Structure formats: structure tokens, C-alpha cells
């Protein structure tokens, strides 16, 4: 939940300290659904979403290079762990861009990437250990800084510069961001654990 609060705070600060978008032509009225939030959607560009995911995936790959290249007694386990990280990231990516609403996709992507990086289970089989993989938190800070300083304002506070009340749309987007990534990660975690268990059982019977 702490990661979600940081994302909400960064997106809200974007409305006060970030670039000033043109006032949206449509208002998200009280009681609206995300389907009506075209005004907020127009402030989000595809590059906003692709940059967040690109940096996240690149961080996992770069941090995994020592595990891929270096010799290790636990090479196979390390490769499986990296594959699990990428498996989770790609499924989260698919879940976060499945709608036609850029504002929702953007909020989901921020929540998902920050939560994924912050909660990666760094195991001993990964070369570099906790110190090397701790560099992922620099990416987390970078994503939050980008959202606050350069990202579109999916803000839960009504800033005068926005020119319209988009708070209801932002509430819906961040609520989905707080819930969906966690559910996806929980399901994927169960699948990965089950796969490891089955593999160990199969190996023990040989």
C-alpha cells in the first residue's frame, strides 16, 4: 500500500509542479465512470506509458546480466528466478494496457511497475545479492520523479491549471491501480510457486 500512496502523491504533484497541459475540453462529473473520462485521457500520450515500462523491463534485464553471464553454483535457479521476474512483468504489462483509456493505463502502469520493482523477491541464487539488486530502488525513485515532474497529472486534487474537475476519473484510475497489480502478482506468484514445486517433485522421482 505504501507504494500506491507514493504513486498517487507523484501523480497529484504533477498537477502543481509538472508541465501545464491544455485545459481538457470535457469534464468528469460526479458519478461518472472511467468510460466518460476523455478529458483526462487526452492528457496522456503513449510515450508516457511506454517509457515507464521500458525503464522497468530494462532494469530487470540489466540487473540480471551478472546472473546470466557469471559462473555460479546456482546458475539454473538464478535463470529461473530471472525468468519469473520477466514473466510477472510481461503479464502485468498485458493487464495494464488492455483498456482503451490512456489515463487508466498510465495509472495502472505506474502502480504496477513501482510495486513490481519494490517487491521483487531477491534470492541467493541471483548474482550480486541484495546490494546489487537494491539498485532497482533507484529506478523506483526515477519513475516517481518522472511522474511528478514530467508526467500527466492524474491528480486526486483539483489544481486550477487543469481547468476541469478530473478528480473522479483520477480516483477510479488509482483505485484500479491499487487493486489490479496486486491481484495479478498474487496469482502469478502462486503459479510460479506451483511450477517450482512440480519441477522439484519430478526431479526427486528420477
Protein backbone atom coordinates (compact mmCIF):
# COMPACT_ATOMS: atom_id res chain seq x y z
CA UNK A 1 0.00 0.00 0.00
CA UNK A 2 2.92 2.37 0.66
CA UNK A 3 3.97 2.11 -3.00
CA UNK A 4 0.45 3.04 -4.09
CA UNK A 5 0.46 6.12 -1.88
CA UNK A 6 3.74 7.25 -3.40
CA UNK A 7 2.33 6.86 -6.91
CA UNK A 8 -0.84 8.78 -6.02
CA UNK A 9 1.29 11.53 -4.48
CA UNK A 10 3.56 11.77 -7.53
CA UNK A 11 0.63 11.93 -9.96
CA UNK A 12 -1.02 14.58 -7.80
CA UNK A 13 2.14 16.69 -7.60
CA UNK A 14 2.28 16.59 -11.40
CA UNK A 15 -0.73 18.88 -11.46
CA UNK A 16 1.09 21.52 -9.44
CA UNK A 17 4.77 21.29 -10.38
CA UNK A 18 4.75 19.42 -13.69
CA UNK A 19 4.13 20.75 -17.20
CA UNK A 20 0.89 22.67 -17.64
CA UNK A 21 -1.38 20.77 -20.04
CA UNK A 22 -4.02 22.49 -22.10
CA UNK A 23 -7.35 22.55 -20.25
CA UNK A 24 -9.36 19.46 -21.22
CA UNK A 25 -12.49 20.17 -23.18
CA UNK A 26 -14.61 17.72 -21.23
CA UNK A 27 -15.37 17.48 -17.53
CA UNK A 28 -15.52 14.30 -15.47
CA UNK A 29 -18.66 14.92 -13.49
CA UNK A 30 -19.52 13.43 -10.13
CA UNK A 31 -20.82 9.90 -10.52
CA UNK A 32 -19.05 9.35 -13.84
CA UNK A 33 -17.35 6.18 -14.91
CA UNK A 34 -13.92 5.77 -16.44
CA UNK A 35 -15.66 5.44 -19.81
CA UNK A 36 -16.53 9.17 -19.70
CA UNK A 37 -13.06 10.48 -18.86
CA UNK A 38 -11.94 11.56 -22.30
CA UNK A 39 -10.73 14.90 -20.93
CA UNK A 40 -8.15 13.20 -18.74
CA UNK A 41 -7.32 10.63 -21.42
CA UNK A 42 -6.25 13.40 -23.79
CA UNK A 43 -3.50 14.47 -21.41
CA UNK A 44 -1.81 11.05 -21.55
CA UNK A 45 0.42 10.16 -24.50
CA UNK A 46 1.55 6.63 -25.46
CA UNK A 47 5.14 7.65 -24.69
CA UNK A 48 4.20 8.25 -21.04
CA UNK A 49 3.26 4.59 -20.70
CA UNK A 50 5.98 3.06 -22.87
CA UNK A 51 8.73 4.97 -21.03
CA UNK A 52 7.64 3.62 -17.63
CA UNK A 53 7.52 0.04 -18.87
CA UNK A 54 10.71 0.36 -20.89
CA UNK A 55 12.67 1.55 -17.85
CA UNK A 56 11.19 -1.20 -15.67
CA UNK A 57 11.97 -4.03 -18.07
CA UNK A 58 15.44 -2.62 -18.77
CA UNK A 59 16.18 -2.50 -15.04
CA UNK A 60 15.32 -6.18 -14.59
CA UNK A 61 17.40 -7.19 -17.61
CA UNK A 62 20.44 -5.07 -16.65
CA UNK A 63 20.41 -6.28 -13.05
CA UNK A 64 20.09 -9.84 -14.33
CA UNK A 65 23.15 -9.65 -16.61
CA UNK A 66 25.63 -10.86 -13.93
CA UNK A 67 23.39 -13.84 -13.23
CA UNK A 68 23.24 -14.62 -16.96
CA UNK A 69 26.96 -14.21 -17.68
CA UNK A 70 28.78 -15.10 -14.47
CA UNK A 71 29.59 -18.64 -13.37
CA UNK A 72 27.61 -19.73 -10.36
CA UNK A 73 26.78 -22.88 -8.45
CA UNK A 74 23.13 -21.89 -8.66
CA UNK A 75 23.06 -20.89 -12.33
CA UNK A 76 19.90 -22.80 -13.18
CA UNK A 77 17.98 -21.48 -10.18
CA UNK A 78 19.12 -17.94 -10.94
CA UNK A 79 17.94 -18.16 -14.54
CA UNK A 80 14.59 -19.48 -13.39
CA UNK A 81 14.28 -16.61 -10.94
CA UNK A 82 15.01 -14.07 -13.67
CA UNK A 83 12.51 -15.75 -15.95
CA UNK A 84 9.95 -15.46 -13.16
CA UNK A 85 10.60 -11.72 -12.84
CA UNK A 86 10.16 -11.18 -16.57
CA UNK A 87 7.09 -13.43 -16.61
CA UNK A 88 5.46 -11.27 -13.95
CA UNK A 89 6.44 -8.05 -15.70
CA UNK A 90 5.06 -9.11 -19.08
CA UNK A 91 1.76 -10.30 -17.63
CA UNK A 92 1.43 -7.06 -15.69
CA UNK A 93 2.13 -5.12 -18.87
CA UNK A 94 -0.61 -7.01 -20.69
CA UNK A 95 -3.06 -6.39 -17.84
CA UNK A 96 -2.27 -2.68 -17.60
CA UNK A 97 -2.72 -1.75 -21.26
CA UNK A 98 -5.82 -3.77 -22.04
CA UNK A 99 -8.23 -0.82 -21.96
CA UNK A 100 -8.84 1.97 -24.49
CA UNK A 101 -8.35 4.65 -21.83
CA UNK A 102 -4.82 6.09 -21.65
CA UNK A 103 -5.31 7.68 -18.22
CA UNK A 104 -6.32 4.36 -16.71
CA UNK A 105 -3.50 2.53 -18.49
CA UNK A 106 -0.99 5.13 -17.28
CA UNK A 107 -2.09 4.94 -13.64
CA UNK A 108 -2.15 1.14 -13.74
CA UNK A 109 1.33 1.08 -15.28
CA UNK A 110 2.80 3.36 -12.63
CA UNK A 111 1.30 1.36 -9.78
CA UNK A 112 2.32 -1.96 -11.36
CA UNK A 113 5.92 -1.01 -12.16
CA UNK A 114 6.63 0.57 -8.80
CA UNK A 115 5.08 -2.35 -6.91
CA UNK A 116 6.85 -4.97 -9.03
CA UNK A 117 10.29 -3.42 -8.60
CA UNK A 118 9.83 -2.67 -4.91
CA UNK A 119 8.67 -6.19 -4.06
CA UNK A 120 10.91 -8.41 -6.16
CA UNK A 121 11.99 -11.43 -4.12
CA UNK A 122 15.77 -11.31 -4.43
CA UNK A 123 17.08 -14.80 -3.76
CA UNK A 124 20.60 -16.05 -3.08
CA UNK A 125 20.81 -17.65 -6.49
CA UNK A 126 20.91 -14.19 -8.10
CA UNK A 127 24.46 -12.95 -8.59
CA UNK A 128 25.11 -9.71 -6.74
CA UNK A 129 22.65 -10.37 -3.97
CA UNK A 130 20.67 -7.73 -2.17
CA UNK A 131 23.18 -4.92 -2.66
CA UNK A 132 23.31 -5.19 -6.43
CA UNK A 133 19.57 -5.72 -6.80
CA UNK A 134 18.97 -2.86 -4.39
CA UNK A 135 19.77 -0.59 -7.33
CA UNK A 136 16.23 -1.23 -8.53
CA UNK A 137 15.03 1.27 -5.95
CA UNK A 138 16.85 3.98 -7.89
CA UNK A 139 14.57 3.13 -10.80
CA UNK A 140 11.56 3.33 -8.50
CA UNK A 141 12.61 6.82 -7.43
CA UNK A 142 13.21 7.75 -11.05
CA UNK A 143 9.72 6.61 -12.08
CA UNK A 144 8.15 8.59 -9.24
CA UNK A 145 10.20 11.68 -10.13
CA UNK A 146 9.18 11.37 -13.77
CA UNK A 147 5.52 11.07 -12.81
CA UNK A 148 5.73 14.16 -10.59
CA UNK A 149 7.82 16.41 -12.82
CA UNK A 150 7.06 15.37 -16.38
CA UNK A 151 4.08 13.03 -16.33
CA UNK A 152 0.43 13.89 -17.00
CA UNK A 153 -1.47 14.99 -13.86
CA UNK A 154 -3.73 12.09 -12.94
CA UNK A 155 -4.38 14.07 -9.79
CA UNK A 156 -6.71 13.45 -6.85
CA UNK A 157 -6.54 17.18 -6.06
CA UNK A 158 -8.20 19.82 -8.20
CA UNK A 159 -5.42 22.11 -9.44
CA UNK A 160 -6.52 25.42 -11.01
CA UNK A 161 -4.29 24.84 -14.03
CA UNK A 162 -6.20 21.74 -15.03
CA UNK A 163 -9.23 23.77 -15.97
CA UNK A 164 -11.69 20.98 -15.23
CA UNK A 165 -12.65 18.63 -12.45
CA UNK A 166 -10.89 15.39 -13.37
CA UNK A 167 -10.66 14.11 -9.81
CA UNK A 168 -13.36 11.46 -10.14
CA UNK A 169 -11.56 9.97 -13.11
CA UNK A 170 -8.28 10.01 -11.20
CA UNK A 171 -9.91 8.33 -8.19
CA UNK A 172 -11.15 5.49 -10.40
CA UNK A 173 -7.78 5.10 -12.13
CA UNK A 174 -5.80 5.00 -8.88
CA UNK A 175 -8.30 2.68 -7.20
CA UNK A 176 -7.80 0.24 -10.06
CA UNK A 177 -4.05 0.78 -9.74
CA UNK A 178 -4.13 -0.09 -6.05
CA UNK A 179 -6.08 -3.31 -6.62
CA UNK A 180 -5.33 -4.88 -10.02
CA UNK A 181 -1.50 -5.14 -9.94
CA UNK A 182 -1.60 -6.74 -6.50
CA UNK A 183 -4.14 -9.32 -7.63
CA UNK A 184 -2.15 -10.15 -10.76
CA UNK A 185 1.09 -10.50 -8.79
CA UNK A 186 -0.59 -12.73 -6.19
CA UNK A 187 -1.96 -15.05 -8.88
CA UNK A 188 1.35 -15.14 -10.75
CA UNK A 189 3.22 -15.79 -7.50
CA UNK A 190 1.02 -18.82 -6.84
CA UNK A 191 1.58 -20.11 -10.38
CA UNK A 192 5.35 -19.68 -10.15
CA UNK A 193 5.48 -21.40 -6.75
CA UNK A 194 3.37 -24.28 -8.06
CA UNK A 195 5.63 -24.66 -11.09
CA UNK A 196 8.74 -24.83 -8.88
CA UNK A 197 7.08 -27.42 -6.64
CA UNK A 198 6.07 -29.64 -9.55
CA UNK A 199 9.58 -29.40 -11.02
CA UNK A 200 11.20 -30.38 -7.74
CA UNK A 201 8.83 -33.31 -7.30
CA UNK A 202 9.53 -34.51 -10.83
CA UNK A 203 13.27 -34.26 -10.26
CA UNK A 204 13.14 -36.20 -7.00
CA UNK A 205 11.42 -39.15 -8.68
CA UNK A 206 14.14 -39.68 -11.22
